[in-house]
Amino acid sequence: MNNLMSLDPMTLALFLPLFGAMAAFIAPRAASVIGLATVLANLGAVGWLAFEIRAAAELITPLGGWAPPLGIALRADGLSVAMLALTGAVGLLVSFSALDALRDARQRQYFWPLWLLLLTGLNGVYLGTDIFNLYVMIEVIALAAVGLTVLSGTREAVRAGLEYMYASILGALLFLMGVGFVYLQLGRLDFAGLIAATPSAALSAALALMVVGLLLKTALFPLHFWLPAAHANATAPASALLSGLVVKAALYIFLRLSTYMPLPDEILVTLLGALGAGALLWGSVQALRAERLKLLVAWSTVAQIGLIFIAFARAGQVGLVESWKAAALLILAHGIAKSAMFLAAGRIKDEVGHDIIRDLDRSAIRPTLAQFTFALAAISLIGLPPSLGFIGKWSLMEGALQAGYWHWVVATMVGTLLSVAYFSRVFAGFLRFDRMQGALAEHKGWALADLAPLTLALAAISLGLMAAPILSFIELGYPFGAMP
């Protein structure tokens, strides 16, 4: 009983999903109930943690009473709790959507253990303070994410899952090699040791290896080859988790490492921004050419990841102290809006019977609520006010202009115009009726699966009005209780 009473919210957030995943696997008939209960309990633990962080700014819990460097510690600050809240809230709504969207018993049986295992890895990343344990957690995430990718069982999904697995293995190996170099140089792997370390060529090489591994996992151009097929061919709930949450873990680790092990050269920061610009343009062009709705949404993820890296590089190496905030806002905005968009795209496909963009306006069935949800999510991804996406883009361009990096503003504006263009292809299919075959069908009513994406889309818009409190919160306890 004393041990139960001593549990803190970080420990609960880490172990509740793990035990839930095991229980859902052992009792597949009760997997939905176990899954929902676990996700709700996880969100409650995150809410408890957020309440404590507002008062204490940061919390550190040594697991088993052993502090680093010998032991493992969990640590929470404003940024990590914001990511936990994103994961918990989006995950809960996707879970509700999965109750209706996953009608195949076999899919339901495996979805819940995989999703809860994924939640374990995500929470472990956001609470981790040791780069080896981060490696372990991103491998847990990859294992669950590949399983979710192939859940539909189609040949295309299996092929995409294999590509995802190969890319993930390569990225993890590169990250692990970097971890090994850090240990050879410092003899420790915790964040506190990284911050106190004297810069050296060996640490720069280690950082380079870890960054390349993370870029492969985030699918930054030109390492994006695995993402569009994986996200487009998974089931709608799985796609929402993969795009809205999974890629954010590697982005978060990248932001942390770039703070704790500063990038050694201005050229490298510029290169990352240039790759981001390439992703923004290439992803947008491919979205313009995409024939299927989910494939368009997947290519837009490639573009939006590029935008996040532009935000990171918006003011060069000197500006990294502030640029991470713009990147964090865009990460949060993308996680919410893209989850809503994939769920809405899944609803449109289910109702219409296909997701061929050029034939959407021929259908006599118009899932109006799903279409409205898709449009709301697009507002945030395009970056129109008052959405959170707009605040993130505004912060990006404001910082770039103040630093004299006007070329990032140009790239952002071009990407914005391209996003308007490729989303307009979809809107045209929603609004045109002149090519419709037959009379407009009677509305079939709304399903439980409509509620989750609509809630997420409304959140993506309304949270833009709360940008100031969000910024204040993510700055709490950064890093290790001290501003750099």
Protein backbone atom coordinates (compact mmCIF):
# COMPACT_ATOMS: atom_id res chain seq x y z
CA MET A 1 0.00 0.00 0.00
CA ASN A 2 2.83 2.41 0.84
CA ASN A 3 4.38 1.77 -2.55
CA LEU A 4 1.09 2.57 -4.25
CA MET A 5 0.73 5.76 -2.24
CA SER A 6 4.26 6.82 -3.23
CA LEU A 7 3.56 6.62 -6.95
CA ASP A 8 3.95 9.93 -8.71
CA PRO A 9 2.30 11.02 -11.98
CA MET A 10 5.45 10.46 -14.05
CA THR A 11 5.74 6.86 -12.93
CA LEU A 12 2.05 6.33 -13.63
CA ALA A 13 2.33 7.88 -17.10
CA LEU A 14 5.16 5.50 -17.93
CA PHE A 15 3.87 2.22 -16.49
CA LEU A 16 0.09 2.47 -16.86
CA PRO A 17 0.18 2.15 -20.68
CA LEU A 18 2.71 -0.68 -20.45
CA PHE A 19 0.54 -2.72 -18.08
CA GLY A 20 -2.52 -1.80 -20.15
CA ALA A 21 -0.84 -3.09 -23.32
CA MET A 22 -0.04 -6.42 -21.65
CA ALA A 23 -3.58 -6.73 -20.28
CA ALA A 24 -5.15 -5.92 -23.68
CA PHE A 25 -2.98 -8.56 -25.34
CA ILE A 26 -3.80 -11.21 -22.74
CA ALA A 27 -7.56 -10.44 -22.77
CA PRO A 28 -8.37 -9.50 -26.39
CA ARG A 29 -12.14 -9.64 -25.88
CA ALA A 30 -11.88 -6.86 -23.29
CA ALA A 31 -9.17 -4.98 -25.21
CA SER A 32 -11.40 -2.00 -26.04
CA VAL A 33 -12.49 -1.52 -22.43
CA ILE A 34 -8.95 -1.97 -21.13
CA GLY A 35 -7.59 0.38 -23.77
CA LEU A 36 -10.06 3.19 -23.10
CA ALA A 37 -9.65 2.88 -19.34
CA THR A 38 -5.86 2.99 -19.68
CA VAL A 39 -5.86 6.00 -21.98
CA LEU A 40 -8.23 7.86 -19.64
CA ALA A 41 -6.06 7.01 -16.62
CA ASN A 42 -2.97 8.14 -18.53
CA LEU A 43 -4.58 11.48 -19.34
CA GLY A 44 -5.52 11.86 -15.68
CA ALA A 45 -1.88 11.28 -14.68
CA VAL A 46 -0.76 13.89 -17.21
CA GLY A 47 -3.29 16.36 -15.84
CA TRP A 48 -1.99 15.72 -12.33
CA LEU A 49 1.57 16.24 -13.57
CA ALA A 50 0.64 19.49 -15.35
CA PHE A 51 -0.88 20.81 -12.11
CA GLU A 52 2.34 20.07 -10.24
CA ILE A 53 4.55 21.54 -12.96
CA ARG A 54 2.70 24.86 -12.80
CA ALA A 55 3.76 25.12 -9.16
CA ALA A 56 7.24 23.55 -9.26
CA ALA A 57 8.38 24.28 -12.89
CA GLU A 58 10.19 20.93 -12.99
CA LEU A 59 9.99 17.53 -11.32
CA ILE A 60 12.62 14.78 -11.17
CA THR A 61 11.96 11.22 -10.00
CA PRO A 62 14.87 8.74 -9.72
CA LEU A 63 13.51 5.29 -10.51
CA GLY A 64 14.21 2.89 -7.67
CA GLY A 65 15.90 5.66 -5.71
CA TRP A 66 19.00 5.54 -7.95
CA ALA A 67 19.96 8.94 -9.37
CA PRO A 68 21.96 9.45 -12.58
CA PRO A 69 24.56 8.66 -13.78
CA LEU A 70 24.22 5.23 -12.14
CA GLY A 71 20.43 5.18 -12.18
CA ILE A 72 17.60 6.39 -14.37
CA ALA A 73 15.57 9.50 -13.63
CA LEU A 74 12.29 10.73 -15.03
CA ARG A 75 12.03 14.47 -15.51
CA ALA A 76 9.15 16.73 -16.46
CA ASP A 77 9.10 20.40 -17.39
CA GLY A 78 6.72 22.60 -19.35
CA LEU A 79 7.74 21.37 -22.79
CA SER A 80 7.67 17.68 -21.90
CA VAL A 81 4.29 17.99 -20.18
CA ALA A 82 2.89 19.84 -23.21
CA MET A 83 3.99 16.91 -25.38
CA LEU A 84 2.49 14.45 -22.90
CA ALA A 85 -0.77 16.40 -22.98
CA LEU A 86 -0.76 16.38 -26.79
CA THR A 87 -0.19 12.63 -26.79
CA GLY A 88 -2.80 11.92 -24.13
CA ALA A 89 -5.55 14.14 -25.52
CA VAL A 90 -5.08 13.20 -29.18
CA GLY A 91 -4.70 9.55 -28.21
CA LEU A 92 -7.95 9.57 -26.24
CA LEU A 93 -9.93 11.03 -29.13
CA VAL A 94 -8.35 8.66 -31.63
CA SER A 95 -9.24 5.81 -29.28
CA PHE A 96 -12.90 6.84 -29.29
CA SER A 97 -12.80 7.09 -33.08
CA ALA A 98 -11.29 3.61 -33.33
CA LEU A 99 -14.37 2.12 -31.64
CA ASP A 100 -16.37 2.93 -34.76
CA ALA A 101 -13.70 3.04 -37.47
CA LEU A 102 -12.20 -0.41 -36.77
CA ARG A 103 -15.04 -2.77 -37.55
CA ASP A 104 -12.91 -5.82 -38.26
CA ALA A 105 -12.53 -7.94 -35.11
CA ARG A 106 -8.92 -8.84 -35.91
CA GLN A 107 -7.97 -5.19 -36.33
CA ARG A 108 -9.59 -4.29 -33.02
CA GLN A 109 -7.83 -7.18 -31.30
CA TYR A 110 -4.35 -5.96 -32.24
CA PHE A 111 -4.96 -2.21 -32.34
CA TRP A 112 -5.23 -1.73 -28.59
CA PRO A 113 -2.05 -3.54 -27.45
CA LEU A 114 -0.07 -1.83 -30.22
CA TRP A 115 -1.51 1.60 -29.43
CA LEU A 116 -0.86 1.26 -25.70
CA LEU A 117 2.69 0.04 -26.37
CA LEU A 118 3.13 3.09 -28.59
CA LEU A 119 1.82 5.31 -25.79
CA THR A 120 4.38 3.76 -23.43
CA GLY A 121 7.22 4.65 -25.78
CA LEU A 122 5.97 8.18 -26.40
CA ASN A 123 5.60 8.93 -22.70
CA GLY A 124 9.02 7.42 -22.08
CA VAL A 125 10.60 9.77 -24.62
CA TYR A 126 9.02 12.86 -23.08
CA LEU A 127 10.02 11.88 -19.54
CA GLY A 128 13.45 10.46 -20.34
CA THR A 129 16.73 12.04 -19.22
CA ASP A 130 19.16 9.49 -20.63
CA ILE A 131 20.00 9.11 -24.32
CA PHE A 132 20.32 5.32 -24.15
CA ASN A 133 16.85 5.05 -22.67
CA LEU A 134 15.64 7.38 -25.39
CA TYR A 135 17.06 4.88 -27.88
CA VAL A 136 15.12 2.10 -26.15
CA MET A 137 11.93 4.12 -26.24
CA ILE A 138 12.19 5.06 -29.92
CA GLU A 139 12.65 1.37 -30.66
CA VAL A 140 9.48 0.60 -28.68
CA ILE A 141 7.71 3.31 -30.68
CA ALA A 142 8.99 1.88 -33.97
CA LEU A 143 7.88 -1.64 -33.07
CA ALA A 144 4.36 -0.50 -32.30
CA ALA A 145 4.20 1.94 -35.23
CA VAL A 146 5.15 -0.71 -37.79
CA GLY A 147 2.49 -2.98 -36.34
CA LEU A 148 -0.11 -0.22 -36.66
CA THR A 149 0.99 0.46 -40.24
CA VAL A 150 0.31 -3.11 -41.39
CA LEU A 151 -2.88 -3.46 -39.33
CA SER A 152 -5.17 -3.15 -42.36
CA GLY A 153 -3.57 -6.27 -43.85
CA THR A 154 -3.51 -5.02 -47.44
CA ARG A 155 -0.54 -5.69 -49.68
CA GLU A 156 0.20 -1.97 -49.94
CA ALA A 157 0.17 -1.58 -46.15
CA VAL A 158 2.52 -4.55 -45.66
CA ARG A 159 4.95 -3.18 -48.25
CA ALA A 160 4.82 0.26 -46.62
CA GLY A 161 5.33 -1.33 -43.21
CA LEU A 162 8.47 -3.09 -44.43
CA GLU A 163 9.90 0.16 -45.79
CA TYR A 164 9.06 1.84 -42.49
CA MET A 165 10.77 -0.95 -40.56
CA TYR A 166 13.95 -0.76 -42.65
CA ALA A 167 14.15 3.01 -42.28
CA SER A 168 13.48 2.78 -38.56
CA ILE A 169 16.17 0.15 -38.02
CA LEU A 170 18.74 2.22 -39.90
CA GLY A 171 17.82 5.37 -37.99
CA ALA A 172 18.01 3.54 -34.68
CA LEU A 173 21.43 2.09 -35.50
CA LEU A 174 22.80 5.53 -36.34
CA PHE A 175 21.38 6.92 -33.11
CA LEU A 176 22.85 4.04 -31.12
CA MET A 177 26.30 4.60 -32.67
CA GLY A 178 26.10 8.20 -31.52
CA VAL A 179 25.15 7.06 -28.03
CA GLY A 180 28.21 4.82 -28.00
CA PHE A 181 30.51 7.70 -28.95
CA VAL A 182 29.03 9.82 -26.16
CA TYR A 183 29.65 7.10 -23.61
CA LEU A 184 33.24 6.57 -24.78
CA GLN A 185 33.86 10.31 -24.44
CA LEU A 186 31.99 11.10 -21.20
CA GLY A 187 31.41 7.81 -19.42
CA ARG A 188 27.80 8.83 -18.82
CA LEU A 189 24.66 9.28 -20.91
CA ASP A 190 22.32 11.47 -18.86
CA PHE A 191 21.29 14.96 -19.98
CA ALA A 192 23.06 16.63 -17.05
CA GLY A 193 26.34 15.12 -18.24
CA LEU A 194 25.73 16.33 -21.79
CA ILE A 195 25.08 19.88 -20.63
CA ALA A 196 28.25 19.97 -18.51
CA ALA A 197 30.47 18.40 -21.19
CA THR A 198 33.20 20.36 -22.94
CA PRO A 199 32.59 20.51 -26.72
CA SER A 200 34.87 18.21 -28.70
CA ALA A 201 35.20 16.62 -32.12
CA ALA A 202 34.05 13.27 -30.72
CA LEU A 203 30.87 14.79 -29.28
CA SER A 204 30.24 16.60 -32.55
CA ALA A 205 30.54 13.30 -34.42
CA ALA A 206 28.20 11.65 -31.92
CA LEU A 207 25.66 14.42 -32.32
CA ALA A 208 25.89 14.18 -36.11
CA LEU A 209 25.15 10.43 -36.02
CA MET A 210 22.22 10.88 -33.66
CA VAL A 211 20.81 13.77 -35.68
CA VAL A 212 20.94 11.82 -38.96
CA GLY A 213 19.21 8.90 -37.26
CA LEU A 214 16.50 11.21 -35.94
CA LEU A 215 16.09 12.93 -39.32
CA LEU A 216 15.44 9.51 -40.86
CA LYS A 217 12.79 8.82 -38.23
CA THR A 218 11.16 12.22 -38.75
CA ALA A 219 11.20 11.67 -42.54
CA LEU A 220 12.90 14.97 -43.31
CA PHE A 221 13.62 15.40 -47.02
CA PRO A 222 15.40 13.58 -48.67
CA LEU A 223 14.97 10.82 -46.04
CA HIS A 224 11.19 10.86 -46.37
CA PHE A 225 10.83 7.89 -48.75
CA TRP A 226 9.03 5.67 -46.23
CA LEU A 227 6.45 8.08 -44.81
CA PRO A 228 3.82 8.77 -47.53
CA ALA A 229 3.01 5.12 -48.21
CA ALA A 230 3.04 4.18 -44.53
CA HIS A 231 0.66 6.95 -43.48
CA ALA A 232 -1.59 6.69 -46.54
CA ASN A 233 -2.17 2.90 -46.39
CA ALA A 234 -2.71 2.46 -42.66
CA THR A 235 -6.19 2.50 -41.14
CA ALA A 236 -7.51 5.98 -40.33
CA PRO A 237 -6.91 5.75 -36.54
CA ALA A 238 -3.42 4.36 -37.13
CA SER A 239 -2.64 7.11 -39.65
CA ALA A 240 -3.77 9.73 -37.13
CA LEU A 241 -1.44 8.27 -34.50
CA LEU A 242 1.49 7.88 -36.90
CA SER A 243 1.30 11.39 -38.33
CA GLY A 244 -0.04 13.25 -35.32
CA LEU A 245 2.11 11.65 -32.62
CA VAL A 246 4.85 9.27 -33.73
CA VAL A 247 7.00 11.66 -35.78
CA LYS A 248 6.79 14.18 -32.93
CA ALA A 249 8.88 11.96 -30.65
CA ALA A 250 11.96 12.16 -32.88
CA LEU A 251 11.40 15.91 -33.36
CA TYR A 252 11.26 16.35 -29.59
CA ILE A 253 14.51 14.43 -29.07
CA PHE A 254 16.14 16.53 -31.77
CA LEU A 255 15.08 19.75 -30.03
CA ARG A 256 16.46 18.51 -26.72
CA LEU A 257 19.78 17.36 -28.14
CA SER A 258 20.28 20.58 -30.05
CA THR A 259 19.97 22.39 -26.71
CA TYR A 260 22.06 20.03 -24.61
CA MET A 261 24.69 19.38 -27.32
CA PRO A 262 24.67 22.62 -29.35
CA LEU A 263 25.18 22.22 -33.08
CA PRO A 264 28.84 23.10 -33.67
CA ASP A 265 28.53 25.22 -36.78
CA GLU A 266 26.21 27.81 -38.29
CA ILE A 267 26.46 25.92 -41.57
CA LEU A 268 24.77 22.88 -40.03
CA VAL A 269 21.86 24.95 -38.77
CA THR A 270 21.48 26.48 -42.22
CA LEU A 271 21.67 23.03 -43.81
CA LEU A 272 18.84 21.77 -41.61
CA GLY A 273 16.77 24.79 -42.58
CA ALA A 274 17.54 24.18 -46.25
CA LEU A 275 16.46 20.55 -45.95
CA GLY A 276 13.31 21.83 -44.28
CA ALA A 277 12.68 24.16 -47.20
CA GLY A 278 13.25 21.27 -49.60
CA ALA A 279 10.74 19.18 -47.66
CA LEU A 280 8.22 22.00 -47.65
CA LEU A 281 8.43 22.45 -51.42
CA TRP A 282 8.77 18.80 -52.44
CA GLY A 283 6.03 17.60 -50.11
CA SER A 284 3.70 20.32 -51.35
CA VAL A 285 4.37 19.52 -55.02
CA GLN A 286 3.72 15.83 -54.41
CA ALA A 287 0.52 16.69 -52.54
CA LEU A 288 -0.59 18.63 -55.62
CA ARG A 289 -0.02 15.50 -57.71
CA ALA A 290 -1.54 12.98 -55.27
CA GLU A 291 -4.56 11.07 -56.58
CA ARG A 292 -5.87 9.82 -53.24
CA LEU A 293 -7.04 11.92 -50.32
CA LYS A 294 -5.03 10.10 -47.64
CA LEU A 295 -1.91 10.23 -49.82
CA LEU A 296 -2.34 14.00 -50.16
CA VAL A 297 -2.60 14.30 -46.39
CA ALA A 298 0.50 12.12 -45.98
CA TRP A 299 2.55 14.27 -48.38
CA SER A 300 1.42 17.36 -46.52
CA THR A 301 3.00 15.81 -43.41
CA VAL A 302 6.33 15.75 -45.26
CA ALA A 303 5.84 19.45 -46.03
CA GLN A 304 4.85 20.36 -42.48
CA ILE A 305 7.87 18.55 -41.02
CA GLY A 306 9.98 20.75 -43.28
CA LEU A 307 8.26 23.83 -41.90
CA ILE A 308 9.16 22.78 -38.35
CA PHE A 309 12.84 22.57 -39.30
CA ILE A 310 12.65 26.01 -40.93
CA ALA A 311 11.27 27.30 -37.64
CA PHE A 312 14.21 25.70 -35.85
CA ALA A 313 16.70 27.43 -38.18
CA ARG A 314 14.78 30.70 -38.52
CA ALA A 315 17.45 32.85 -36.79
CA GLY A 316 20.58 30.75 -37.17
CA GLN A 317 22.69 29.19 -34.44
CA VAL A 318 22.53 32.25 -32.18
CA GLY A 319 18.74 32.26 -32.35
CA LEU A 320 18.30 28.64 -31.25
CA VAL A 321 17.66 29.85 -27.69
CA GLU A 322 14.30 31.21 -28.89
CA SER A 323 13.67 29.34 -32.15
CA TRP A 324 12.76 26.10 -30.38
CA LYS A 325 9.59 27.80 -29.14
CA ALA A 326 8.34 28.43 -32.69
CA ALA A 327 9.19 24.84 -33.60
CA ALA A 328 7.36 23.57 -30.50
CA LEU A 329 4.23 25.56 -31.38
CA LEU A 330 4.22 24.12 -34.89
CA ILE A 331 4.73 20.60 -33.50
CA LEU A 332 1.69 21.01 -31.24
CA ALA A 333 -0.41 22.57 -34.02
CA HIS A 334 0.51 19.87 -36.51
CA GLY A 335 -0.12 17.04 -34.06
CA ILE A 336 -3.68 18.19 -33.39
CA ALA A 337 -4.67 19.27 -36.91
CA LYS A 338 -3.12 16.33 -38.76
CA SER A 339 -4.78 13.80 -36.46
CA ALA A 340 -8.11 15.48 -37.14
CA MET A 341 -7.45 15.49 -40.88
CA PHE A 342 -6.57 11.79 -41.12
CA LEU A 343 -9.62 10.80 -39.09
CA ALA A 344 -11.84 13.02 -41.26
CA ALA A 345 -10.28 11.57 -44.42
CA GLY A 346 -11.04 8.10 -43.11
CA ARG A 347 -14.66 9.05 -42.50
CA ILE A 348 -14.96 10.47 -46.02
CA LYS A 349 -13.53 7.28 -47.50
CA ASP A 350 -15.87 5.11 -45.44
CA GLU A 351 -18.98 7.10 -46.42
CA VAL A 352 -18.18 7.73 -50.09
CA GLY A 353 -16.56 4.35 -50.66
CA HIS A 354 -13.26 5.66 -52.01
CA ASP A 355 -10.83 8.55 -51.57
CA ILE A 356 -10.02 9.34 -55.22
CA ILE A 357 -9.80 13.13 -55.19
CA ARG A 358 -10.92 13.72 -58.78
CA ASP A 359 -14.10 11.72 -58.20
CA LEU A 360 -15.17 13.15 -54.86
CA ASP A 361 -17.55 15.59 -56.55
CA ARG A 362 -19.22 12.76 -58.50
CA SER A 363 -20.50 11.08 -55.36
CA ALA A 364 -24.13 11.51 -54.37
CA ILE A 365 -23.07 10.89 -50.75
CA ARG A 366 -21.66 13.96 -49.02
CA PRO A 367 -20.37 13.35 -45.46
CA THR A 368 -20.77 17.00 -44.60
CA LEU A 369 -19.48 16.91 -41.02
CA ALA A 370 -16.31 15.05 -42.03
CA GLN A 371 -15.79 17.52 -44.88
CA PHE A 372 -16.26 20.46 -42.51
CA THR A 373 -13.78 18.90 -40.10
CA PHE A 374 -11.25 18.43 -42.90
CA ALA A 375 -11.61 22.10 -43.84
CA LEU A 376 -11.12 23.26 -40.23
CA ALA A 377 -7.95 21.18 -39.90
CA ALA A 378 -6.70 22.60 -43.19
CA ILE A 379 -7.12 26.14 -41.83
CA SER A 380 -4.59 25.36 -39.10
CA LEU A 381 -2.18 23.56 -41.42
CA ILE A 382 -2.31 26.38 -43.96
CA GLY A 383 -1.70 28.81 -41.12
CA LEU A 384 -4.78 31.04 -41.20
CA PRO A 385 -5.83 33.02 -38.11
CA PRO A 386 -6.82 32.43 -35.38
CA SER A 387 -5.45 28.87 -35.46
CA LEU A 388 -2.45 27.58 -33.53
CA GLY A 389 -0.77 26.91 -36.86
CA PHE A 390 -1.03 30.62 -37.66
CA ILE A 391 0.65 31.53 -34.36
CA GLY A 392 3.46 29.09 -35.08
CA LYS A 393 4.04 30.48 -38.57
CA TRP A 394 3.83 34.05 -37.30
CA SER A 395 6.47 33.27 -34.67
CA LEU A 396 8.66 31.69 -37.34
CA MET A 397 8.49 34.65 -39.71
CA GLU A 398 8.77 37.27 -36.97
CA GLY A 399 11.96 35.69 -35.63
CA ALA A 400 13.41 35.28 -39.13
CA LEU A 401 12.75 38.92 -40.05
CA GLN A 402 14.23 40.21 -36.79
CA ALA A 403 17.39 38.19 -37.43
CA GLY A 404 17.58 39.25 -41.09
CA TYR A 405 16.94 35.73 -42.42
CA TRP A 406 14.33 36.84 -44.94
CA HIS A 407 14.85 33.74 -47.13
CA TRP A 408 13.08 31.59 -44.53
CA VAL A 409 10.10 33.95 -44.75
CA VAL A 410 10.02 33.54 -48.53
CA ALA A 411 10.15 29.74 -48.23
CA THR A 412 7.36 29.80 -45.64
CA MET A 413 5.13 32.00 -47.79
CA VAL A 414 5.70 29.85 -50.88
CA GLY A 415 4.86 26.75 -48.84
CA THR A 416 1.72 28.44 -47.55
CA LEU A 417 0.53 29.23 -51.08
CA LEU A 418 1.21 25.67 -52.17
CA SER A 419 -0.77 24.33 -49.21
CA VAL A 420 -3.69 26.50 -50.24
CA ALA A 421 -3.39 25.05 -53.75
CA TYR A 422 -3.36 21.36 -52.80
CA PHE A 423 -6.07 21.65 -50.17
CA SER A 424 -8.20 23.58 -52.67
CA ARG A 425 -8.21 20.47 -54.85
CA VAL A 426 -10.08 18.71 -52.06
CA PHE A 427 -12.39 21.63 -51.28
CA ALA A 428 -13.47 21.73 -54.94
CA GLY A 429 -14.67 18.16 -54.64
CA PHE A 430 -16.61 19.03 -51.51
CA LEU A 431 -18.35 22.06 -53.00
CA ARG A 432 -19.03 21.08 -56.63
CA PHE A 433 -22.31 19.39 -57.52
CA ASP A 434 -22.42 19.79 -61.30
CA ARG A 435 -20.70 16.44 -62.02
CA MET A 436 -22.65 14.50 -59.41
CA GLN A 437 -24.12 11.23 -60.67
CA GLY A 438 -27.74 10.99 -59.58
CA ALA A 439 -29.66 12.93 -56.95
CA LEU A 440 -28.01 14.00 -53.71
CA ALA A 441 -28.35 11.14 -51.25
CA GLU A 442 -30.09 11.54 -47.94
CA HIS A 443 -27.73 12.28 -45.05
CA LYS A 444 -27.06 9.09 -43.11
CA GLY A 445 -26.48 10.84 -39.82
CA TRP A 446 -23.36 11.23 -37.77
CA ALA A 447 -21.39 8.48 -36.15
CA LEU A 448 -19.24 8.33 -33.05
CA ALA A 449 -16.21 8.52 -35.34
CA ASP A 450 -17.26 12.07 -36.39
CA LEU A 451 -16.95 13.47 -32.88
CA ALA A 452 -13.23 12.88 -32.37
CA PRO A 453 -11.93 14.59 -35.55
CA LEU A 454 -14.32 17.50 -35.12
CA THR A 455 -13.16 18.05 -31.54
CA LEU A 456 -9.52 17.96 -32.65
CA ALA A 457 -10.14 20.36 -35.52
CA LEU A 458 -11.93 22.82 -33.26
CA ALA A 459 -9.04 22.57 -30.81
CA ALA A 460 -6.54 23.30 -33.59
CA ILE A 461 -8.42 26.53 -34.29
CA SER A 462 -9.29 27.63 -30.76
CA LEU A 463 -5.89 26.96 -29.18
CA GLY A 464 -4.48 29.76 -31.28
CA LEU A 465 -6.36 32.11 -28.95
CA MET A 466 -4.45 30.58 -26.02
CA ALA A 467 -0.98 30.83 -27.56
CA ALA A 468 0.40 33.14 -24.85
CA PRO A 469 -0.45 30.78 -21.94
CA ILE A 470 0.85 27.83 -23.96
CA LEU A 471 4.16 29.61 -24.58
CA SER A 472 4.45 30.50 -20.92
CA PHE A 473 3.80 26.91 -19.92
CA ILE A 474 6.32 25.28 -22.27
CA GLU A 475 9.04 27.60 -20.92
CA LEU A 476 8.65 26.26 -17.36
CA GLY A 477 11.73 24.53 -16.02
CA TYR A 478 13.75 24.86 -19.22
CA PRO A 479 16.31 23.33 -19.22
CA PHE A 480 16.82 21.69 -15.83
CA GLY A 481 15.31 24.71 -14.11
CA ALA A 482 17.62 27.31 -15.68
CA MET A 483 17.36 29.37 -18.82
CA PRO A 484 20.41 29.01 -21.09
